Amino acid sequence: MTKISWNVLDSMAALQELVRKSHETPVLIYKHSTRCSISSMVLSRLERSWDQSTTPSLKWYFLDLITYREVSNAIAQKFQVYHESPQVLLIIDGNSSFHTSHMGISATAIKEAWDSVSA
């Protein structure tokens, strides 16, 4: 399996750039809490089960929401999703086309969301 190539989401400028890039290629945000064992378990499970070769153009962004709370809050506001952690959002053309959290996060769920928007 091909490992996830994470981009770090660590500033408001990086969030603006992510939104800009989403008009060229889909992006996925993983919001991670370093204080939450569920977040760590979900991240580990996702990294072990994901095959990035199935979605080569998808850009992955990792947000440490404890360190970058301002960015996390901006994501909730910009994409009109309730803040949760862990949480993933699939961003296409500047909008969230899919989001889920906690145990709803899986390689299968992300791949199904990807397939529904890339068909």
C-alpha atoms as a PDB file:
ATOM      1  CA  MET A   1       0.000   0.000   0.000  1.00  0.00           C
ATOM      2  CA  THR A   2       1.051   3.543  -0.660  1.00  0.00           C
ATOM      3  CA  LYS A   3       1.375   5.673   2.476  1.00  0.00           C
ATOM      4  CA  ILE A   4      -0.568   8.887   2.936  1.00  0.00           C
ATOM      5  CA  SER A   5       1.445  11.934   1.915  1.00  0.00           C
ATOM      6  CA  TRP A   6       0.385  14.449   4.559  1.00  0.00           C
ATOM      7  CA  ASN A   7       0.572  18.212   4.108  1.00  0.00           C
ATOM      8  CA  VAL A   8       0.588  20.096   7.407  1.00  0.00           C
ATOM      9  CA  LEU A   9      -2.257  22.548   7.919  1.00  0.00           C
ATOM     10  CA  ASP A  10      -0.764  24.990  10.406  1.00  0.00           C
ATOM     11  CA  SER A  11      -1.961  28.492   9.571  1.00  0.00           C
ATOM     12  CA  MET A  12      -4.820  30.550   8.222  1.00  0.00           C
ATOM     13  CA  ALA A  13      -2.699  31.180   5.106  1.00  0.00           C
ATOM     14  CA  ALA A  14      -2.326  27.415   4.613  1.00  0.00           C
ATOM     15  CA  LEU A  15      -6.115  27.045   4.921  1.00  0.00           C
ATOM     16  CA  GLN A  16      -6.651  29.731   2.275  1.00  0.00           C
ATOM     17  CA  GLU A  17      -4.158  27.951   0.007  1.00  0.00           C
ATOM     18  CA  LEU A  18      -5.938  24.631   0.603  1.00  0.00           C
ATOM     19  CA  VAL A  19      -9.247  26.199  -0.453  1.00  0.00           C
ATOM     20  CA  ARG A  20      -7.591  27.615  -3.567  1.00  0.00           C
ATOM     21  CA  LYS A  21      -6.095  24.210  -4.429  1.00  0.00           C
ATOM     22  CA  SER A  22      -9.488  22.546  -3.981  1.00  0.00           C
ATOM     23  CA  HIS A  23     -10.594  24.246  -7.196  1.00  0.00           C
ATOM     24  CA  GLU A  24      -7.876  22.289  -9.038  1.00  0.00           C
ATOM     25  CA  THR A  25      -7.916  18.978  -7.174  1.00  0.00           C
ATOM     26  CA  PRO A  26      -9.896  17.541  -4.250  1.00  0.00           C
ATOM     27  CA  VAL A  27      -8.362  17.900  -0.804  1.00  0.00           C
ATOM     28  CA  LEU A  28      -9.020  16.035   2.415  1.00  0.00           C
ATOM     29  CA  ILE A  29      -8.557  17.517   5.879  1.00  0.00           C
ATOM     30  CA  TYR A  30      -7.938  15.266   8.870  1.00  0.00           C
ATOM     31  CA  LYS A  31      -8.580  17.138  12.120  1.00  0.00           C
ATOM     32  CA  HIS A  32      -6.627  15.416  14.886  1.00  0.00           C
ATOM     33  CA  SER A  33      -6.638  15.927  18.638  1.00  0.00           C
ATOM     34  CA  THR A  34      -3.385  14.959  20.319  1.00  0.00           C
ATOM     35  CA  ARG A  35      -5.343  14.656  23.594  1.00  0.00           C
ATOM     36  CA  CYS A  36      -7.854  12.126  22.323  1.00  0.00           C
ATOM     37  CA  SER A  37      -7.169   8.397  22.209  1.00  0.00           C
ATOM     38  CA  ILE A  38     -10.001   7.869  19.711  1.00  0.00           C
ATOM     39  CA  SER A  39      -8.410  10.386  17.349  1.00  0.00           C
ATOM     40  CA  SER A  40      -5.079   8.556  17.569  1.00  0.00           C
ATOM     41  CA  MET A  41      -6.721   5.162  17.038  1.00  0.00           C
ATOM     42  CA  VAL A  42      -8.732   6.383  14.017  1.00  0.00           C
ATOM     43  CA  LEU A  43      -5.620   8.003  12.500  1.00  0.00           C
ATOM     44  CA  SER A  44      -3.597   4.822  12.946  1.00  0.00           C
ATOM     45  CA  ARG A  45      -6.361   2.685  11.433  1.00  0.00           C
ATOM     46  CA  LEU A  46      -6.712   5.052   8.469  1.00  0.00           C
ATOM     47  CA  GLU A  47      -2.967   5.160   7.804  1.00  0.00           C
ATOM     48  CA  ARG A  48      -2.724   1.356   7.932  1.00  0.00           C
ATOM     49  CA  SER A  49      -5.678   0.758   5.613  1.00  0.00           C
ATOM     50  CA  TRP A  50      -5.395   3.570   3.053  1.00  0.00           C
ATOM     51  CA  ASP A  51      -4.012   2.899  -0.406  1.00  0.00           C
ATOM     52  CA  GLN A  52      -3.221   6.324  -1.822  1.00  0.00           C
ATOM     53  CA  SER A  53      -2.748   4.865  -5.290  1.00  0.00           C
ATOM     54  CA  THR A  54      -6.560   4.583  -5.523  1.00  0.00           C
ATOM     55  CA  THR A  55      -6.882   8.396  -5.381  1.00  0.00           C
ATOM     56  CA  PRO A  56      -3.563   9.765  -6.654  1.00  0.00           C
ATOM     57  CA  SER A  57      -4.807  13.330  -7.153  1.00  0.00           C
ATOM     58  CA  LEU A  58      -6.318  13.672  -3.653  1.00  0.00           C
ATOM     59  CA  LYS A  59      -4.246  16.015  -1.464  1.00  0.00           C
ATOM     60  CA  TRP A  60      -4.211  15.161   2.248  1.00  0.00           C
ATOM     61  CA  TYR A  61      -3.939  17.789   4.992  1.00  0.00           C
ATOM     62  CA  PHE A  62      -3.301  17.091   8.665  1.00  0.00           C
ATOM     63  CA  LEU A  63      -4.447  19.572  11.308  1.00  0.00           C
ATOM     64  CA  ASP A  64      -3.326  19.342  14.929  1.00  0.00           C
ATOM     65  CA  LEU A  65      -6.408  21.086  16.254  1.00  0.00           C
ATOM     66  CA  ILE A  66      -5.015  21.559  19.758  1.00  0.00           C
ATOM     67  CA  THR A  67      -2.023  23.533  18.510  1.00  0.00           C
ATOM     68  CA  TYR A  68      -3.928  25.298  15.730  1.00  0.00           C
ATOM     69  CA  ARG A  69      -7.339  25.882  17.328  1.00  0.00           C
ATOM     70  CA  GLU A  70      -7.882  29.087  15.293  1.00  0.00           C
ATOM     71  CA  VAL A  71      -7.547  27.100  12.054  1.00  0.00           C
ATOM     72  CA  SER A  72      -9.890  24.404  13.360  1.00  0.00           C
ATOM     73  CA  ASN A  73     -12.513  27.013  14.265  1.00  0.00           C
ATOM     74  CA  ALA A  74     -12.143  28.628  10.834  1.00  0.00           C
ATOM     75  CA  ILE A  75     -12.741  25.247   9.163  1.00  0.00           C
ATOM     76  CA  ALA A  76     -15.979  24.747  11.116  1.00  0.00           C
ATOM     77  CA  GLN A  77     -17.166  28.215  10.154  1.00  0.00           C
ATOM     78  CA  LYS A  78     -16.007  28.204   6.518  1.00  0.00           C
ATOM     79  CA  PHE A  79     -17.423  24.788   5.666  1.00  0.00           C
ATOM     80  CA  GLN A  80     -20.436  25.040   8.009  1.00  0.00           C
ATOM     81  CA  VAL A  81     -19.729  21.799   9.842  1.00  0.00           C
ATOM     82  CA  TYR A  82     -19.993  21.194  13.557  1.00  0.00           C
ATOM     83  CA  HIS A  83     -16.525  20.891  15.106  1.00  0.00           C
ATOM     84  CA  GLU A  84     -15.635  17.334  16.059  1.00  0.00           C
ATOM     85  CA  SER A  85     -12.441  15.408  16.483  1.00  0.00           C
ATOM     86  CA  PRO A  86     -11.328  13.354  14.897  1.00  0.00           C
ATOM     87  CA  GLN A  87     -12.998  14.635  11.766  1.00  0.00           C
ATOM     88  CA  VAL A  88     -12.389  14.469   8.025  1.00  0.00           C
ATOM     89  CA  LEU A  89     -13.674  16.818   5.355  1.00  0.00           C
ATOM     90  CA  LEU A  90     -13.429  16.322   1.602  1.00  0.00           C
ATOM     91  CA  ILE A  91     -13.141  19.751  -0.011  1.00  0.00           C
ATOM     92  CA  ILE A  92     -13.950  20.263  -3.688  1.00  0.00           C
ATOM     93  CA  ASP A  93     -14.257  23.643  -5.396  1.00  0.00           C
ATOM     94  CA  GLY A  94     -14.038  25.411  -2.046  1.00  0.00           C
ATOM     95  CA  ASN A  95     -16.902  23.458  -0.463  1.00  0.00           C
ATOM     96  CA  SER A  96     -17.167  20.461   1.832  1.00  0.00           C
ATOM     97  CA  SER A  97     -18.665  17.655  -0.221  1.00  0.00           C
ATOM     98  CA  PHE A  98     -18.290  15.072   2.561  1.00  0.00           C
ATOM     99  CA  HIS A  99     -17.485  15.079   6.248  1.00  0.00           C
ATOM    100  CA  THR A 100     -17.606  12.551   9.021  1.00  0.00           C
ATOM    101  CA  SER A 101     -16.102  12.026  12.427  1.00  0.00           C
ATOM    102  CA  HIS A 102     -15.043   9.485  15.020  1.00  0.00           C
ATOM    103  CA  MET A 103     -15.701   5.889  13.970  1.00  0.00           C
ATOM    104  CA  GLY A 104     -17.310   7.059  10.711  1.00  0.00           C
ATOM    105  CA  ILE A 105     -13.797   7.802   9.466  1.00  0.00           C
ATOM    106  CA  SER A 106     -12.503   4.896   7.423  1.00  0.00           C
ATOM    107  CA  ALA A 107     -10.699   4.214   4.195  1.00  0.00           C
ATOM    108  CA  THR A 108     -13.936   2.769   2.828  1.00  0.00           C
ATOM    109  CA  ALA A 109     -16.032   5.856   3.704  1.00  0.00           C
ATOM    110  CA  ILE A 110     -13.465   8.225   2.201  1.00  0.00           C
ATOM    111  CA  LYS A 111     -13.102   6.110  -0.944  1.00  0.00           C
ATOM    112  CA  GLU A 112     -16.894   5.981  -1.389  1.00  0.00           C
ATOM    113  CA  ALA A 113     -17.109   9.777  -1.010  1.00  0.00           C
ATOM    114  CA  TRP A 114     -14.238  10.163  -3.486  1.00  0.00           C
ATOM    115  CA  ASP A 115     -15.898   7.829  -5.981  1.00  0.00           C
ATOM    116  CA  SER A 116     -19.219   9.697  -5.752  1.00  0.00           C
ATOM    117  CA  VAL A 117     -17.620  13.051  -6.603  1.00  0.00           C
ATOM    118  CA  SER A 118     -15.024  11.886  -9.120  1.00  0.00           C
ATOM    119  CA  ALA A 119     -17.346   9.817 -11.294  1.00  0.00           C
END
